[in-house]
Amino acid sequence: MNYISISLYRKVVNHALAEGMAPEDFKGMPVPIESMDDIQAVPADQFFELHEMLDHALGPGFSVRVGQQMKMDDYGVLGLSWKTCSKAGEIFERCERYFHLLSNTYVFKVEKEGEISKVHLFRDAHRRGVELSNEATFSATVVVLQAMTETDMAPVGVSFKHGAPESLESYHEAFKCPILFDQPQNYIAYKTTDLETRTAKADFSINKFLVERVEEKTRGIEISSNIIVSDVESLIKDALPSGIPSIIQIGEHMGMSSRTLTRRLSEDGITFRGLVRQTQERMAKGLLRNSSDTVSEIAFQTGFSEQSAFSRAFKRWTGQSPLEYRNPR
């Protein structure tokens, strides 16, 4: 069954209320307002039906307007993973790994065409609500990328396979670029250099590291292996939601070659692979004991593509299954 997270359904309902709808207007919907706190997901067609009802009630552009209200926190674990991306474009890599936590109806793919990168959304519309949901997705993409980078970056083009609405006012206000309808593909296009923009969090953490290193060298202080290990662990932790990083990737962030980084870690008797495993184990234990995230969510946050692989690794590390560790007798 195709599904949509209740968090996205709730966001649409709440914005409709903010635009003037009344709670009783939702009485006839399959998922009434009073039951939203009792479920985790809704059938996708019920979400699309909601979009259709609100488009009729609130006029063209509602889907785009609700997309403009999306915040990273509205996406749960997926949004949490976006906050640790080092570059804006990494958000789409994480969507490939995580979006099934919110819905199994989205497929993203980035296609670079020289100076322009097109982010394709492969979700053909079998009904009007899917078209509206696609509009909301691209609208949300704009505001999320701006929040990640703390810039006003805007797309250079948007393409929809469906026809244009009667009014484009909300669309122009949201996208601020040419918008095409009745096209062969659904995509939102950005300058490739914009998708390479460092995120605000990455700039802060990496710049902090570099400034500290420069100050130490200015004072003639050799970087200790303990500091190296701490910084590598921090960067590994940030990278894991996109998968296990390579030593080359981490070295680039630290301004070192992989050979130099390997040597510096070995001074303390540590290997990069061992540090990755140690970081995964520490993160997993902390999340199991101190969060309500599911085992599947924790698996993805710690770099595993499958819950079963995570469970086997955790059993190997601790002698316990994740659930046994979370709920000790």
Protein backbone atom coordinates (compact mmCIF):
# COMPACT_ATOMS: atom_id res chain seq x y z
CA MET A 1 0.00 0.00 0.00
CA ASN A 2 1.21 3.50 -0.81
CA TYR A 3 1.27 5.70 2.29
CA ILE A 4 1.99 9.24 3.49
CA SER A 5 3.18 10.15 6.99
CA ILE A 6 0.53 11.70 9.22
CA SER A 7 2.98 14.56 9.88
CA LEU A 8 2.62 15.72 6.26
CA TYR A 9 -1.16 15.23 6.34
CA ARG A 10 -1.35 17.28 9.55
CA LYS A 11 0.75 20.08 8.06
CA VAL A 12 -1.65 20.42 5.13
CA VAL A 13 -4.68 20.47 7.43
CA ASN A 14 -3.14 23.03 9.78
CA HIS A 15 -2.29 25.39 6.94
CA ALA A 16 -5.81 25.06 5.55
CA LEU A 17 -7.13 26.09 8.98
CA ALA A 18 -4.72 29.05 8.93
CA GLU A 19 -6.16 30.11 5.54
CA GLY A 20 -9.70 30.16 6.89
CA MET A 21 -11.05 26.62 6.81
CA ALA A 22 -13.05 25.47 9.85
CA PRO A 23 -12.61 22.13 11.66
CA GLU A 24 -16.09 21.05 10.63
CA ASP A 25 -15.05 21.37 6.97
CA PHE A 26 -13.02 18.18 7.41
CA LYS A 27 -15.86 16.08 8.80
CA GLY A 28 -16.33 14.18 5.58
CA MET A 29 -12.66 13.32 5.13
CA PRO A 30 -11.48 9.72 5.69
CA VAL A 31 -9.04 10.99 8.35
CA PRO A 32 -10.87 13.51 10.57
CA ILE A 33 -8.91 16.04 12.60
CA GLU A 34 -9.62 14.39 15.93
CA SER A 35 -8.04 11.09 14.84
CA MET A 36 -4.74 12.48 13.52
CA ASP A 37 -2.91 11.91 16.82
CA ASP A 38 -3.80 8.22 16.83
CA ILE A 39 -2.18 7.12 13.56
CA GLN A 40 1.27 7.29 11.98
CA ALA A 41 0.38 7.24 8.28
CA VAL A 42 -2.56 7.48 5.90
CA PRO A 43 -3.18 5.77 2.56
CA ALA A 44 -1.64 7.94 -0.13
CA ASP A 45 -4.95 8.39 -1.97
CA GLN A 46 -6.52 9.91 1.15
CA PHE A 47 -3.69 12.46 1.22
CA PHE A 48 -4.24 13.24 -2.45
CA GLU A 49 -7.99 13.55 -1.84
CA LEU A 50 -7.23 16.11 0.88
CA HIS A 51 -5.16 18.15 -1.58
CA GLU A 52 -7.99 18.07 -4.12
CA MET A 53 -10.57 19.20 -1.58
CA LEU A 54 -8.42 22.12 -0.41
CA ASP A 55 -7.49 23.18 -3.93
CA HIS A 56 -11.21 23.45 -4.69
CA ALA A 57 -12.00 25.23 -1.42
CA LEU A 58 -9.05 27.63 -1.19
CA GLY A 59 -8.26 28.23 -4.82
CA PRO A 60 -5.26 27.74 -7.13
CA GLY A 61 -1.87 27.74 -5.43
CA PHE A 62 -2.85 26.27 -2.05
CA SER A 63 -0.42 23.39 -2.60
CA VAL A 64 2.41 25.83 -3.33
CA ARG A 65 1.50 27.97 -0.32
CA VAL A 66 1.53 25.02 2.06
CA GLY A 67 4.91 23.98 0.64
CA GLN A 68 6.25 27.41 1.57
CA GLN A 69 5.34 26.74 5.20
CA MET A 70 7.36 23.54 5.51
CA LYS A 71 10.22 23.42 8.02
CA MET A 72 12.93 20.79 8.33
CA ASP A 73 11.48 19.70 11.68
CA ASP A 74 8.20 18.83 9.93
CA TYR A 75 10.00 15.93 8.23
CA GLY A 76 11.03 14.17 11.43
CA VAL A 77 14.17 12.04 11.16
CA LEU A 78 14.50 12.96 7.49
CA GLY A 79 14.65 16.66 8.39
CA LEU A 80 17.11 15.92 11.18
CA SER A 81 19.40 14.27 8.66
CA TRP A 82 19.21 17.32 6.35
CA LYS A 83 20.58 19.53 9.11
CA THR A 84 23.89 17.66 9.03
CA CYS A 85 24.40 17.80 5.24
CA SER A 86 27.64 19.53 4.32
CA LYS A 87 26.33 20.77 0.94
CA ALA A 88 22.85 21.79 -0.13
CA GLY A 89 22.59 19.14 -2.86
CA GLU A 90 23.20 16.31 -0.39
CA ILE A 91 19.59 16.69 0.70
CA PHE A 92 18.52 14.67 -2.34
CA GLU A 93 20.95 11.84 -1.58
CA ARG A 94 19.44 11.62 1.89
CA CYS A 95 15.94 11.66 0.42
CA GLU A 96 16.85 8.49 -1.49
CA ARG A 97 17.79 6.82 1.82
CA TYR A 98 15.14 8.27 4.09
CA PHE A 99 12.01 9.32 2.26
CA HIS A 100 10.34 5.95 2.72
CA LEU A 101 10.06 6.94 6.40
CA LEU A 102 7.51 9.53 5.24
CA SER A 103 6.14 8.01 2.06
CA ASN A 104 6.86 5.33 -0.52
CA THR A 105 5.53 7.44 -3.39
CA TYR A 106 8.54 9.72 -3.99
CA VAL A 107 11.57 9.02 -6.20
CA PHE A 108 14.17 11.77 -6.64
CA LYS A 109 17.11 11.85 -9.04
CA VAL A 110 19.57 14.68 -9.69
CA GLU A 111 20.74 15.10 -13.29
CA LYS A 112 23.67 17.48 -13.84
CA GLU A 113 23.71 19.27 -17.18
CA GLY A 114 26.81 21.43 -16.97
CA GLU A 115 26.00 24.61 -15.10
CA ILE A 116 22.43 23.47 -14.36
CA SER A 117 21.27 20.55 -12.22
CA LYS A 118 17.74 19.23 -12.57
CA VAL A 119 16.12 17.52 -9.59
CA HIS A 120 13.59 15.12 -11.09
CA LEU A 121 10.57 13.92 -9.20
CA PHE A 122 9.43 10.61 -10.69
CA ARG A 123 5.86 10.38 -9.48
CA ASP A 124 3.32 10.21 -12.28
CA ALA A 125 -0.09 11.59 -11.49
CA HIS A 126 -2.97 9.13 -11.60
CA ARG A 127 -5.20 11.83 -10.13
CA ARG A 128 -5.22 15.60 -9.59
CA GLY A 129 -4.10 15.29 -5.97
CA VAL A 130 -0.76 13.83 -7.03
CA GLU A 131 -0.15 16.84 -9.27
CA LEU A 132 -0.92 19.17 -6.37
CA SER A 133 1.32 17.21 -4.03
CA ASN A 134 4.15 17.46 -6.59
CA GLU A 135 3.71 21.23 -6.57
CA ALA A 136 3.91 21.29 -2.77
CA THR A 137 7.07 19.17 -2.86
CA PHE A 138 8.93 21.55 -5.16
CA SER A 139 7.68 24.58 -3.23
CA ALA A 140 8.97 23.02 0.01
CA THR A 141 12.30 22.27 -1.68
CA VAL A 142 12.84 26.00 -2.18
CA VAL A 143 12.34 26.98 1.45
CA VAL A 144 14.24 23.98 2.88
CA LEU A 145 17.33 24.70 0.76
CA GLN A 146 17.19 28.34 1.81
CA ALA A 147 16.95 27.34 5.46
CA MET A 148 19.84 24.87 5.13
CA THR A 149 22.16 27.42 3.56
CA GLU A 150 20.75 30.57 5.19
CA THR A 151 20.73 32.18 1.74
CA ASP A 152 17.99 33.30 -0.64
CA MET A 153 19.00 30.84 -3.35
CA ALA A 154 16.21 30.28 -5.85
CA PRO A 155 15.64 27.76 -8.62
CA VAL A 156 16.27 28.73 -12.23
CA GLY A 157 13.34 26.77 -13.59
CA VAL A 158 10.43 24.53 -12.63
CA SER A 159 8.72 22.02 -14.91
CA PHE A 160 5.41 20.21 -14.36
CA LYS A 161 3.82 17.51 -16.49
CA HIS A 162 0.30 18.73 -15.72
CA GLY A 163 -1.50 21.78 -17.02
CA ALA A 164 -1.38 25.30 -15.60
CA PRO A 165 -3.96 26.54 -13.05
CA GLU A 166 -6.13 29.59 -13.62
CA SER A 167 -3.90 31.83 -11.48
CA LEU A 168 -0.11 31.66 -11.17
CA GLU A 169 0.27 34.35 -8.50
CA SER A 170 1.25 31.96 -5.68
CA TYR A 171 3.57 30.06 -8.02
CA HIS A 172 5.56 33.12 -9.08
CA GLU A 173 5.80 34.28 -5.47
CA ALA A 174 7.17 30.90 -4.35
CA PHE A 175 9.54 29.99 -7.18
CA LYS A 176 10.65 33.38 -8.57
CA CYS A 177 11.74 31.75 -11.84
CA PRO A 178 10.22 30.54 -15.12
CA ILE A 179 7.52 27.90 -14.53
CA LEU A 180 6.57 25.53 -17.34
CA PHE A 181 3.47 23.31 -17.54
CA ASP A 182 2.43 20.47 -19.88
CA GLN A 183 6.06 19.31 -20.02
CA PRO A 184 7.52 15.80 -20.43
CA GLN A 185 9.01 15.76 -16.91
CA ASN A 186 8.57 17.04 -13.37
CA TYR A 187 11.73 18.77 -12.18
CA ILE A 188 13.07 21.77 -10.32
CA ALA A 189 16.35 23.16 -11.64
CA TYR A 190 19.15 24.94 -9.79
CA LYS A 191 22.54 26.25 -10.71
CA THR A 192 24.96 23.42 -10.04
CA THR A 193 27.14 25.81 -8.04
CA ASP A 194 24.17 26.61 -5.78
CA LEU A 195 23.72 22.95 -4.92
CA GLU A 196 27.42 22.90 -3.97
CA THR A 197 26.79 25.65 -1.40
CA ARG A 198 27.94 24.74 2.09
CA THR A 199 25.13 24.45 4.58
CA ALA A 200 25.11 26.81 7.53
CA LYS A 201 25.84 24.04 10.04
CA ALA A 202 28.67 22.60 7.94
CA ASP A 203 30.25 26.02 7.47
CA PHE A 204 30.17 26.59 11.21
CA SER A 205 31.65 23.25 12.24
CA ILE A 206 34.28 23.10 9.50
CA ASN A 207 35.30 26.73 9.86
CA LYS A 208 35.59 26.28 13.63
CA PHE A 209 37.90 23.35 13.07
CA LEU A 210 40.08 25.20 10.58
CA VAL A 211 40.32 28.34 12.74
CA GLU A 212 41.39 26.28 15.74
CA ARG A 213 44.05 24.53 13.69
CA VAL A 214 45.41 27.81 12.28
CA GLU A 215 45.59 29.32 15.76
CA GLU A 216 47.45 26.29 17.08
CA LYS A 217 49.97 26.40 14.26
CA THR A 218 50.45 30.13 14.78
CA ARG A 219 51.39 29.40 18.38
CA GLY A 220 53.67 26.61 17.24
CA ILE A 221 51.51 23.94 18.85
CA GLU A 222 51.37 20.57 17.15
CA ILE A 223 47.86 19.21 16.62
CA SER A 224 47.43 16.38 19.10
CA SER A 225 46.11 13.04 17.95
CA ASN A 226 43.30 13.33 20.53
CA ILE A 227 42.02 16.48 18.82
CA ILE A 228 42.23 14.76 15.45
CA VAL A 229 40.22 11.79 16.71
CA SER A 230 37.55 14.04 18.21
CA ASP A 231 37.17 16.05 14.99
CA VAL A 232 37.07 12.95 12.79
CA GLU A 233 34.38 11.42 15.03
CA SER A 234 32.30 14.59 14.74
CA LEU A 235 32.54 14.62 10.95
CA ILE A 236 31.76 10.90 10.71
CA LYS A 237 28.67 11.42 12.87
CA ASP A 238 27.44 14.21 10.59
CA ALA A 239 28.04 12.11 7.48
CA LEU A 240 26.51 8.77 8.56
CA PRO A 241 22.89 9.60 7.60
CA SER A 242 24.11 9.68 3.97
CA GLY A 243 25.98 6.39 4.39
CA ILE A 244 29.43 5.48 5.68
CA PRO A 245 31.90 8.19 4.58
CA SER A 246 35.28 7.39 3.08
CA ILE A 247 38.54 8.54 4.60
CA ILE A 248 39.06 10.64 1.47
CA GLN A 249 35.81 12.56 2.14
CA ILE A 250 36.68 13.19 5.79
CA GLY A 251 40.24 14.17 4.91
CA GLU A 252 38.97 16.75 2.41
CA HIS A 253 36.83 18.36 5.11
CA MET A 254 39.87 18.55 7.39
CA GLY A 255 42.27 19.85 4.76
CA MET A 256 44.37 16.66 4.83
CA SER A 257 45.16 13.90 2.40
CA SER A 258 43.86 10.45 3.30
CA ARG A 259 47.46 9.32 3.79
CA THR A 260 48.16 12.11 6.29
CA LEU A 261 44.93 11.44 8.16
CA THR A 262 45.69 7.73 8.33
CA ARG A 263 49.12 8.50 9.77
CA ARG A 264 47.75 10.93 12.35
CA LEU A 265 45.15 8.43 13.55
CA SER A 266 47.72 5.64 13.71
CA GLU A 267 49.78 7.76 16.12
CA ASP A 268 47.07 6.98 18.66
CA GLY A 269 46.72 3.35 17.58
CA ILE A 270 43.45 4.02 15.75
CA THR A 271 42.24 3.05 12.28
CA PHE A 272 39.65 5.00 10.32
CA ARG A 273 37.46 1.91 9.92
CA GLY A 274 37.64 1.24 13.63
CA LEU A 275 36.68 4.84 14.38
CA VAL A 276 33.65 4.58 12.09
CA ARG A 277 32.51 1.43 13.88
CA GLN A 278 33.10 3.01 17.28
CA THR A 279 31.11 6.10 16.27
CA GLN A 280 28.25 3.97 14.93
CA GLU A 281 28.10 1.97 18.15
CA ARG A 282 28.17 5.05 20.37
CA MET A 283 25.45 6.77 18.31
CA ALA A 284 23.29 3.65 18.26
CA LYS A 285 23.50 3.14 22.02
CA GLY A 286 22.68 6.78 22.69
CA LEU A 287 19.68 6.80 20.33
CA LEU A 288 18.32 3.51 21.66
CA ARG A 289 18.47 4.68 25.26
CA ASN A 290 17.67 8.39 24.86
CA SER A 291 15.27 8.71 21.92
CA SER A 292 11.94 7.29 20.79
CA ASP A 293 13.20 6.68 17.25
CA THR A 294 12.40 3.26 15.83
CA VAL A 295 15.15 0.71 15.23
CA SER A 296 14.71 1.28 11.49
CA GLU A 297 15.21 5.03 11.89
CA ILE A 298 18.28 4.51 14.07
CA ALA A 299 19.71 2.11 11.49
CA PHE A 300 19.57 4.79 8.81
CA GLN A 301 20.96 7.48 11.12
CA THR A 302 23.98 5.31 11.82
CA GLY A 303 24.78 4.56 8.19
CA PHE A 304 22.98 1.27 7.53
CA SER A 305 20.73 0.81 4.51
CA GLU A 306 18.80 -2.07 6.10
CA GLN A 307 17.51 -2.62 9.63
CA SER A 308 18.58 -6.27 9.48
CA ALA A 309 22.21 -5.33 8.79
CA PHE A 310 22.14 -2.87 11.69
CA SER A 311 20.67 -5.46 14.05
CA ARG A 312 23.36 -8.00 13.14
CA ALA A 313 26.12 -5.42 13.65
CA PHE A 314 24.69 -4.26 16.98
CA LYS A 315 24.48 -7.88 18.19
CA ARG A 316 28.13 -8.33 17.19
CA TRP A 317 29.17 -5.17 19.06
CA THR A 318 27.24 -5.71 22.28
CA GLY A 319 26.02 -9.30 22.41
CA GLN A 320 22.43 -7.94 22.52
CA SER A 321 19.79 -7.08 19.95
CA PRO A 322 18.82 -3.40 19.69
CA LEU A 323 15.50 -4.09 21.45
CA GLU A 324 17.21 -6.04 24.24
CA TYR A 325 19.58 -3.12 24.77
CA ARG A 326 16.72 -0.59 24.75
CA ASN A 327 14.55 -2.60 27.15
CA PRO A 328 16.88 -4.40 29.59
CA ARG A 329 15.22 -6.79 31.99
